[in-house]
Amino acid sequence: MDFHADVDWDEAFEYRPGQKVELKAKPGTFDTVACYEPMMVPPIWLENDPIPRYPHQLRVISTAVMDAHYLLEPSRSEISPQECYS
C-alpha cells in the first residue's frame, strides 16, 4: 500500500485541523476538526466529539473566511539563507 497514492488529498485539505464544521444530523451543532487520519475509518476527529466522523456526516463552514495566509510566499526577510537552498 502506497500511503501517498492512497490518500485523498482533497479531502485531507478540506478537513484539515482547525476547519469549522456542522454535524448534518444535528443542524446548528458546530465543531472544529482536531485531526484528519487518512488511515483510520472514519478519518475525521473533532475537538468536542469522542466519535470520529465520515465526510458525508459533516458540512464544512465558511472556507472563504479561513486563514489563507499560509498559501502566500513568505517575504524574503522571513526566510533564512539555509531554507532557500535546502
PDB file of N, CA and C in Angstrom:
ATOM      1  N   MET A   1       0.841  -1.178   0.000  1.00  0.00           N
ATOM      2  CA  MET A   1       0.000   0.000   0.000  1.00  0.00           C
ATOM      3  C   MET A   1       0.884   1.239   0.000  1.00  0.00           C
ATOM      4  N   ASP A   2       0.691   2.106  -0.981  1.00  0.00           N
ATOM      5  CA  ASP A   2       1.446   3.348  -1.083  1.00  0.00           C
ATOM      6  C   ASP A   2       0.646   4.458  -0.407  1.00  0.00           C
ATOM      7  N   PHE A   3       1.124   4.904   0.746  1.00  0.00           N
ATOM      8  CA  PHE A   3       0.406   5.896   1.543  1.00  0.00           C
ATOM      9  C   PHE A   3       0.068   7.136   0.730  1.00  0.00           C
ATOM     10  N   HIS A   4       1.044   7.694   0.032  1.00  0.00           N
ATOM     11  CA  HIS A   4       0.828   8.951  -0.692  1.00  0.00           C
ATOM     12  C   HIS A   4      -0.133   8.783  -1.861  1.00  0.00           C
ATOM     13  N   ALA A   5      -0.157   7.628  -2.477  1.00  0.00           N
ATOM     14  CA  ALA A   5      -1.064   7.387  -3.599  1.00  0.00           C
ATOM     15  C   ALA A   5      -2.483   7.103  -3.120  1.00  0.00           C
ATOM     16  N   ASP A   6      -2.634   6.526  -1.940  1.00  0.00           N
ATOM     17  CA  ASP A   6      -3.944   6.122  -1.445  1.00  0.00           C
ATOM     18  C   ASP A   6      -4.687   7.207  -0.668  1.00  0.00           C
ATOM     19  N   VAL A   7      -4.015   8.276  -0.297  1.00  0.00           N
ATOM     20  CA  VAL A   7      -4.648   9.343   0.482  1.00  0.00           C
ATOM     21  C   VAL A   7      -5.461  10.245  -0.444  1.00  0.00           C
ATOM     22  N   ASP A   8      -6.666  10.573  -0.035  1.00  0.00           N
ATOM     23  CA  ASP A   8      -7.489  11.535  -0.764  1.00  0.00           C
ATOM     24  C   ASP A   8      -7.057  12.924  -0.296  1.00  0.00           C
ATOM     25  N   TRP A   9      -6.123  13.528  -1.013  1.00  0.00           N
ATOM     26  CA  TRP A   9      -5.526  14.795  -0.581  1.00  0.00           C
ATOM     27  C   TRP A   9      -6.528  15.939  -0.584  1.00  0.00           C
ATOM     28  N   ASP A  10      -7.502  15.928  -1.492  1.00  0.00           N
ATOM     29  CA  ASP A  10      -8.525  16.972  -1.490  1.00  0.00           C
ATOM     30  C   ASP A  10      -9.350  16.902  -0.209  1.00  0.00           C
ATOM     31  N   GLU A  11      -9.715  15.693   0.178  1.00  0.00           N
ATOM     32  CA  GLU A  11     -10.478  15.513   1.415  1.00  0.00           C
ATOM     33  C   GLU A  11      -9.634  15.897   2.626  1.00  0.00           C
ATOM     34  N   ALA A  12      -8.376  15.519   2.628  1.00  0.00           N
ATOM     35  CA  ALA A  12      -7.480  15.860   3.741  1.00  0.00           C
ATOM     36  C   ALA A  12      -7.344  17.371   3.881  1.00  0.00           C
ATOM     37  N   PHE A  13      -7.275  18.089   2.761  1.00  0.00           N
ATOM     38  CA  PHE A  13      -7.178  19.550   2.815  1.00  0.00           C
ATOM     39  C   PHE A  13      -8.488  20.160   3.297  1.00  0.00           C
ATOM     40  N   GLU A  14      -9.595  19.636   2.813  1.00  0.00           N
ATOM     41  CA  GLU A  14     -10.902  20.171   3.192  1.00  0.00           C
ATOM     42  C   GLU A  14     -11.176  20.000   4.688  1.00  0.00           C
ATOM     43  N   TYR A  15     -10.727  18.885   5.265  1.00  0.00           N
ATOM     44  CA  TYR A  15     -10.975  18.596   6.680  1.00  0.00           C
ATOM     45  C   TYR A  15      -9.695  18.690   7.504  1.00  0.00           C
ATOM     46  N   ARG A  16      -8.890  19.697   7.223  1.00  0.00           N
ATOM     47  CA  ARG A  16      -7.635  19.885   7.962  1.00  0.00           C
ATOM     48  C   ARG A  16      -7.929  20.432   9.354  1.00  0.00           C
ATOM     49  N   PRO A  17      -7.003  20.260  10.293  1.00  0.00           N
ATOM     50  CA  PRO A  17      -7.199  20.758  11.659  1.00  0.00           C
ATOM     51  C   PRO A  17      -7.521  22.249  11.675  1.00  0.00           C
ATOM     52  N   GLY A  18      -8.498  22.581  12.504  1.00  0.00           N
ATOM     53  CA  GLY A  18      -8.920  23.973  12.637  1.00  0.00           C
ATOM     54  C   GLY A  18     -10.133  24.325  11.793  1.00  0.00           C
ATOM     55  N   GLN A  19     -10.493  23.458  10.855  1.00  0.00           N
ATOM     56  CA  GLN A  19     -11.642  23.727   9.988  1.00  0.00           C
ATOM     57  C   GLN A  19     -12.936  23.608  10.793  1.00  0.00           C
ATOM     58  N   LYS A  20     -13.812  24.599  10.666  1.00  0.00           N
ATOM     59  CA  LYS A  20     -15.114  24.572  11.334  1.00  0.00           C
ATOM     60  C   LYS A  20     -16.078  23.716  10.518  1.00  0.00           C
ATOM     61  N   VAL A  21     -16.845  22.891  11.205  1.00  0.00           N
ATOM     62  CA  VAL A  21     -17.825  22.020  10.556  1.00  0.00           C
ATOM     63  C   VAL A  21     -19.128  22.010  11.350  1.00  0.00           C
ATOM     64  N   GLU A  22     -20.195  21.600  10.673  1.00  0.00           N
ATOM     65  CA  GLU A  22     -21.501  21.413  11.307  1.00  0.00           C
ATOM     66  C   GLU A  22     -21.887  19.952  11.143  1.00  0.00           C
ATOM     67  N   LEU A  23     -22.441  19.367  12.185  1.00  0.00           N
ATOM     68  CA  LEU A  23     -22.937  17.990  12.105  1.00  0.00           C
ATOM     69  C   LEU A  23     -24.264  18.002  11.347  1.00  0.00           C
ATOM     70  N   LYS A  24     -24.333  17.290  10.243  1.00  0.00           N
ATOM     71  CA  LYS A  24     -25.560  17.267   9.438  1.00  0.00           C
ATOM     72  C   LYS A  24     -26.721  16.645  10.199  1.00  0.00           C
ATOM     73  N   ALA A  25     -26.451  15.668  11.047  1.00  0.00           N
ATOM     74  CA  ALA A  25     -27.508  15.005  11.813  1.00  0.00           C
ATOM     75  C   ALA A  25     -28.072  15.901  12.915  1.00  0.00           C
ATOM     76  N   LYS A  26     -27.298  16.929  13.306  1.00  0.00           N
ATOM     77  CA  LYS A  26     -27.724  17.856  14.353  1.00  0.00           C
ATOM     78  C   LYS A  26     -27.506  19.278  13.859  1.00  0.00           C
ATOM     79  N   PRO A  27     -28.383  19.781  12.977  1.00  0.00           N
ATOM     80  CA  PRO A  27     -28.209  21.141  12.457  1.00  0.00           C
ATOM     81  C   PRO A  27     -28.063  22.156  13.591  1.00  0.00           C
ATOM     82  N   GLY A  28     -27.119  23.063  13.424  1.00  0.00           N
ATOM     83  CA  GLY A  28     -26.847  24.056  14.451  1.00  0.00           C
ATOM     84  C   GLY A  28     -25.775  23.621  15.430  1.00  0.00           C
ATOM     85  N   THR A  29     -25.302  22.381  15.327  1.00  0.00           N
ATOM     86  CA  THR A  29     -24.223  21.879  16.178  1.00  0.00           C
ATOM     87  C   THR A  29     -22.917  21.994  15.407  1.00  0.00           C
ATOM     88  N   PHE A  30     -22.035  22.881  15.897  1.00  0.00           N
ATOM     89  CA  PHE A  30     -20.777  23.156  15.225  1.00  0.00           C
ATOM     90  C   PHE A  30     -19.603  22.622  16.032  1.00  0.00           C
ATOM     91  N   ASP A  31     -18.544  22.278  15.349  1.00  0.00           N
ATOM     92  CA  ASP A  31     -17.328  21.797  16.000  1.00  0.00           C
ATOM     93  C   ASP A  31     -16.146  22.153  15.111  1.00  0.00           C
ATOM     94  N   THR A  32     -14.964  21.812  15.577  1.00  0.00           N
ATOM     95  CA  THR A  32     -13.728  22.096  14.859  1.00  0.00           C
ATOM     96  C   THR A  32     -12.980  20.789  14.637  1.00  0.00           C
ATOM     97  N   VAL A  33     -12.448  20.615  13.440  1.00  0.00           N
ATOM     98  CA  VAL A  33     -11.674  19.413  13.140  1.00  0.00           C
ATOM     99  C   VAL A  33     -10.401  19.428  13.975  1.00  0.00           C
ATOM    100  N   ALA A  34     -10.181  18.362  14.730  1.00  0.00           N
ATOM    101  CA  ALA A  34      -8.960  18.221  15.531  1.00  0.00           C
ATOM    102  C   ALA A  34      -7.857  17.604  14.690  1.00  0.00           C
ATOM    103  N   CYS A  35      -8.196  16.564  13.924  1.00  0.00           N
ATOM    104  CA  CYS A  35      -7.210  15.954  13.030  1.00  0.00           C
ATOM    105  C   CYS A  35      -7.911  15.106  11.987  1.00  0.00           C
ATOM    106  N   TYR A  36      -7.188  14.887  10.911  1.00  0.00           N
ATOM    107  CA  TYR A  36      -7.645  14.023   9.832  1.00  0.00           C
ATOM    108  C   TYR A  36      -6.643  12.883   9.744  1.00  0.00           C
ATOM    109  N   GLU A  37      -7.109  11.670   9.994  1.00  0.00           N
ATOM    110  CA  GLU A  37      -6.253  10.483   9.970  1.00  0.00           C
ATOM    111  C   GLU A  37      -6.634   9.639   8.756  1.00  0.00           C
ATOM    112  N   PRO A  38      -5.924   9.782   7.637  1.00  0.00           N
ATOM    113  CA  PRO A  38      -6.328   9.088   6.413  1.00  0.00           C
ATOM    114  C   PRO A  38      -6.320   7.567   6.505  1.00  0.00           C
ATOM    115  N   MET A  39      -5.592   7.011   7.445  1.00  0.00           N
ATOM    116  CA  MET A  39      -5.537   5.557   7.565  1.00  0.00           C
ATOM    117  C   MET A  39      -6.583   5.015   8.540  1.00  0.00           C
ATOM    118  N   MET A  40      -7.393   5.898   9.119  1.00  0.00           N
ATOM    119  CA  MET A  40      -8.459   5.495  10.043  1.00  0.00           C
ATOM    120  C   MET A  40      -9.803   5.535   9.316  1.00  0.00           C
ATOM    121  N   VAL A  41     -10.725   4.715   9.760  1.00  0.00           N
ATOM    122  CA  VAL A  41     -12.079   4.721   9.224  1.00  0.00           C
ATOM    123  C   VAL A  41     -13.033   4.782  10.400  1.00  0.00           C
ATOM    124  N   PRO A  42     -13.769   5.870  10.534  1.00  0.00           N
ATOM    125  CA  PRO A  42     -13.778   7.110   9.773  1.00  0.00           C
ATOM    126  C   PRO A  42     -12.550   7.981  10.086  1.00  0.00           C
ATOM    127  N   PRO A  43     -12.190   8.894   9.170  1.00  0.00           N
ATOM    128  CA  PRO A  43     -10.915   9.602   9.286  1.00  0.00           C
ATOM    129  C   PRO A  43     -10.916  10.928  10.037  1.00  0.00           C
ATOM    130  N   ILE A  44     -12.071  11.490  10.356  1.00  0.00           N
ATOM    131  CA  ILE A  44     -12.117  12.857  10.889  1.00  0.00           C
ATOM    132  C   ILE A  44     -12.447  12.853  12.376  1.00  0.00           C
ATOM    133  N   TRP A  45     -11.544  13.447  13.158  1.00  0.00           N
ATOM    134  CA  TRP A  45     -11.746  13.592  14.601  1.00  0.00           C
ATOM    135  C   TRP A  45     -12.057  15.046  14.900  1.00  0.00           C
ATOM    136  N   LEU A  46     -13.074  15.271  15.736  1.00  0.00           N
ATOM    137  CA  LEU A  46     -13.471  16.622  16.120  1.00  0.00           C
ATOM    138  C   LEU A  46     -12.995  16.924  17.528  1.00  0.00           C
ATOM    139  N   GLU A  47     -12.834  18.216  17.823  1.00  0.00           N
ATOM    140  CA  GLU A  47     -12.316  18.618  19.134  1.00  0.00           C
ATOM    141  C   GLU A  47     -13.249  18.263  20.283  1.00  0.00           C
ATOM    142  N   ASN A  48     -14.562  18.399  20.076  1.00  0.00           N
ATOM    143  CA  ASN A  48     -15.517  18.207  21.169  1.00  0.00           C
ATOM    144  C   ASN A  48     -16.430  17.001  20.979  1.00  0.00           C
ATOM    145  N   ASP A  49     -15.975  16.032  20.208  1.00  0.00           N
ATOM    146  CA  ASP A  49     -16.788  14.853  19.925  1.00  0.00           C
ATOM    147  C   ASP A  49     -15.887  13.619  19.987  1.00  0.00           C
ATOM    148  N   PRO A  50     -16.168  12.676  20.879  1.00  0.00           N
ATOM    149  CA  PRO A  50     -15.303  11.499  21.006  1.00  0.00           C
ATOM    150  C   PRO A  50     -15.459  10.489  19.868  1.00  0.00           C
ATOM    151  N   ILE A  51     -16.450  10.704  19.002  1.00  0.00           N
ATOM    152  CA  ILE A  51     -16.709   9.767  17.908  1.00  0.00           C
ATOM    153  C   ILE A  51     -16.113  10.312  16.614  1.00  0.00           C
ATOM    154  N   PRO A  52     -15.242   9.547  15.947  1.00  0.00           N
ATOM    155  CA  PRO A  52     -14.727  10.016  14.654  1.00  0.00           C
ATOM    156  C   PRO A  52     -15.856  10.054  13.623  1.00  0.00           C
ATOM    157  N   ARG A  53     -15.697  10.906  12.613  1.00  0.00           N
ATOM    158  CA  ARG A  53     -16.770  11.127  11.633  1.00  0.00           C
ATOM    159  C   ARG A  53     -16.306  10.898  10.199  1.00  0.00           C
ATOM    160  N   TYR A  54     -17.279  10.584   9.340  1.00  0.00           N
ATOM    161  CA  TYR A  54     -17.067  10.496   7.900  1.00  0.00           C
ATOM    162  C   TYR A  54     -17.376  11.862   7.285  1.00  0.00           C
ATOM    163  N   PRO A  55     -16.802  12.181   6.136  1.00  0.00           N
ATOM    164  CA  PRO A  55     -17.082  13.469   5.490  1.00  0.00           C
ATOM    165  C   PRO A  55     -18.568  13.693   5.200  1.00  0.00           C
ATOM    166  N   HIS A  56     -19.303  12.641   4.823  1.00  0.00           N
ATOM    167  CA  HIS A  56     -20.723  12.827   4.500  1.00  0.00           C
ATOM    168  C   HIS A  56     -21.564  13.189   5.728  1.00  0.00           C
ATOM    169  N   GLN A  57     -20.996  13.065   6.929  1.00  0.00           N
ATOM    170  CA  GLN A  57     -21.716  13.420   8.150  1.00  0.00           C
ATOM    171  C   GLN A  57     -21.518  14.885   8.532  1.00  0.00           C
ATOM    172  N   LEU A  58     -20.628  15.577   7.811  1.00  0.00           N
ATOM    173  CA  LEU A  58     -20.252  16.937   8.181  1.00  0.00           C
ATOM    174  C   LEU A  58     -20.488  17.914   7.041  1.00  0.00           C
ATOM    175  N   ARG A  59     -20.723  19.171   7.408  1.00  0.00           N
ATOM    176  CA  ARG A  59     -20.821  20.261   6.444  1.00  0.00           C
ATOM    177  C   ARG A  59     -19.712  21.256   6.786  1.00  0.00           C
ATOM    178  N   VAL A  60     -18.854  21.536   5.826  1.00  0.00           N
ATOM    179  CA  VAL A  60     -17.768  22.492   6.038  1.00  0.00           C
ATOM    180  C   VAL A  60     -18.365  23.888   6.132  1.00  0.00           C
ATOM    181  N   ILE A  61     -17.891  24.661   7.110  1.00  0.00           N
ATOM    182  CA  ILE A  61     -18.407  26.004   7.349  1.00  0.00           C
ATOM    183  C   ILE A  61     -17.380  27.055   6.954  1.00  0.00           C
ATOM    184  N   SER A  62     -17.795  27.985   6.158  1.00  0.00           N
ATOM    185  CA  SER A  62     -17.059  29.211   5.868  1.00  0.00           C
ATOM    186  C   SER A  62     -15.600  29.025   5.479  1.00  0.00           C
ATOM    187  N   THR A  63     -15.347  28.320   4.402  1.00  0.00           N
ATOM    188  CA  THR A  63     -13.966  28.187   3.943  1.00  0.00           C
ATOM    189  C   THR A  63     -13.456  29.492   3.354  1.00  0.00           C
ATOM    190  N   ALA A  64     -14.352  30.377   2.918  1.00  0.00           N
ATOM    191  CA  ALA A  64     -13.927  31.652   2.339  1.00  0.00           C
ATOM    192  C   ALA A  64     -13.302  32.561   3.384  1.00  0.00           C
ATOM    193  N   VAL A  65     -13.657  32.379   4.641  1.00  0.00           N
ATOM    194  CA  VAL A  65     -13.154  33.234   5.703  1.00  0.00           C
ATOM    195  C   VAL A  65     -11.936  32.626   6.386  1.00  0.00           C
ATOM    196  N   MET A  66     -11.558  31.420   6.002  1.00  0.00           N
ATOM    197  CA  MET A  66     -10.452  30.752   6.673  1.00  0.00           C
ATOM    198  C   MET A  66      -9.147  31.509   6.488  1.00  0.00           C
ATOM    199  N   ASP A  67      -8.230  31.270   7.360  1.00  0.00           N
ATOM    200  CA  ASP A  67      -6.929  31.917   7.340  1.00  0.00           C
ATOM    201  C   ASP A  67      -6.091  31.305   6.227  1.00  0.00           C
ATOM    202  N   ALA A  68      -5.911  32.049   5.138  1.00  0.00           N
ATOM    203  CA  ALA A  68      -5.196  31.518   3.978  1.00  0.00           C
ATOM    204  C   ALA A  68      -3.820  32.135   3.805  1.00  0.00           C
ATOM    205  N   HIS A  69      -3.311  32.848   4.794  1.00  0.00           N
ATOM    206  CA  HIS A  69      -2.007  33.500   4.630  1.00  0.00           C
ATOM    207  C   HIS A  69      -0.878  32.496   4.445  1.00  0.00           C
ATOM    208  N   TYR A  70      -1.065  31.252   4.875  1.00  0.00           N
ATOM    209  CA  TYR A  70      -0.017  30.249   4.712  1.00  0.00           C
ATOM    210  C   TYR A  70       0.187  29.880   3.250  1.00  0.00           C
ATOM    211  N   LEU A  71      -0.757  30.239   2.379  1.00  0.00           N
ATOM    212  CA  LEU A  71      -0.608  29.955   0.957  1.00  0.00           C
ATOM    213  C   LEU A  71       0.274  30.982   0.253  1.00  0.00           C
ATOM    214  N   LEU A  72       0.482  32.113   0.902  1.00  0.00           N
ATOM    215  CA  LEU A  72       1.294  33.164   0.305  1.00  0.00           C
ATOM    216  C   LEU A  72       2.771  32.876   0.487  1.00  0.00           C
ATOM    217  N   GLU A  73       3.561  33.344  -0.463  1.00  0.00           N
ATOM    218  CA  GLU A  73       5.008  33.176  -0.356  1.00  0.00           C
ATOM    219  C   GLU A  73       5.514  34.092   0.751  1.00  0.00           C
ATOM    220  N   PRO A  74       6.320  33.590   1.671  1.00  0.00           N
ATOM    221  CA  PRO A  74       6.829  34.434   2.754  1.00  0.00           C
ATOM    222  C   PRO A  74       7.761  35.504   2.203  1.00  0.00           C
ATOM    223  N   SER A  75       7.831  36.627   2.903  1.00  0.00           N
ATOM    224  CA  SER A  75       8.743  37.687   2.470  1.00  0.00           C
ATOM    225  C   SER A  75      10.177  37.219   2.659  1.00  0.00           C
ATOM    226  N   ARG A  76      11.078  37.798   1.923  1.00  0.00           N
ATOM    227  CA  ARG A  76      12.478  37.399   1.980  1.00  0.00           C
ATOM    228  C   ARG A  76      13.053  37.579   3.379  1.00  0.00           C
ATOM    229  N   SER A  77      12.568  38.541   4.139  1.00  0.00           N
ATOM    230  CA  SER A  77      13.102  38.757   5.488  1.00  0.00           C
ATOM    231  C   SER A  77      12.733  37.620   6.435  1.00  0.00           C
ATOM    232  N   GLU A  78      11.697  36.835   6.086  1.00  0.00           N
ATOM    233  CA  GLU A  78      11.257  35.735   6.940  1.00  0.00           C
ATOM    234  C   GLU A  78      11.971  34.422   6.629  1.00  0.00           C
ATOM    235  N   ILE A  79      12.786  34.402   5.586  1.00  0.00           N
ATOM    236  CA  ILE A  79      13.445  33.173   5.161  1.00  0.00           C
ATOM    237  C   ILE A  79      14.935  33.271   5.438  1.00  0.00           C
ATOM    238  N   SER A  80      15.457  32.272   6.106  1.00  0.00           N
ATOM    239  CA  SER A  80      16.902  32.242   6.321  1.00  0.00           C
ATOM    240  C   SER A  80      17.569  31.715   5.055  1.00  0.00           C
ATOM    241  N   PRO A  81      18.812  32.083   4.791  1.00  0.00           N
ATOM    242  CA  PRO A  81      19.503  31.601   3.587  1.00  0.00           C
ATOM    243  C   PRO A  81      19.552  30.074   3.507  1.00  0.00           C
ATOM    244  N   GLN A  82      19.635  29.392   4.642  1.00  0.00           N
ATOM    245  CA  GLN A  82      19.694  27.937   4.633  1.00  0.00           C
ATOM    246  C   GLN A  82      18.395  27.336   4.090  1.00  0.00           C
ATOM    247  N   GLU A  83      17.251  27.977   4.384  1.00  0.00           N
ATOM    248  CA  GLU A  83      15.968  27.463   3.920  1.00  0.00           C
ATOM    249  C   GLU A  83      15.825  27.566   2.406  1.00  0.00           C
ATOM    250  N   CYS A  84      16.440  28.573   1.804  1.00  0.00           N
ATOM    251  CA  CYS A  84      16.318  28.778   0.360  1.00  0.00           C
ATOM    252  C   CYS A  84      16.981  27.668  -0.432  1.00  0.00           C
ATOM    253  N   TYR A  85      18.007  27.062   0.123  1.00  0.00           N
ATOM    254  CA  TYR A  85      18.788  26.084  -0.624  1.00  0.00           C
ATOM    255  C   TYR A  85      18.614  24.659  -0.116  1.00  0.00           C
ATOM    256  N   SER A  86      17.699  24.448   0.796  1.00  0.00           N
ATOM    257  CA  SER A  86      17.505  23.087   1.303  1.00  0.00           C
ATOM    258  C   SER A  86      16.426  22.377   0.542  1.00  0.00           C
TER     259      SER A  86
END
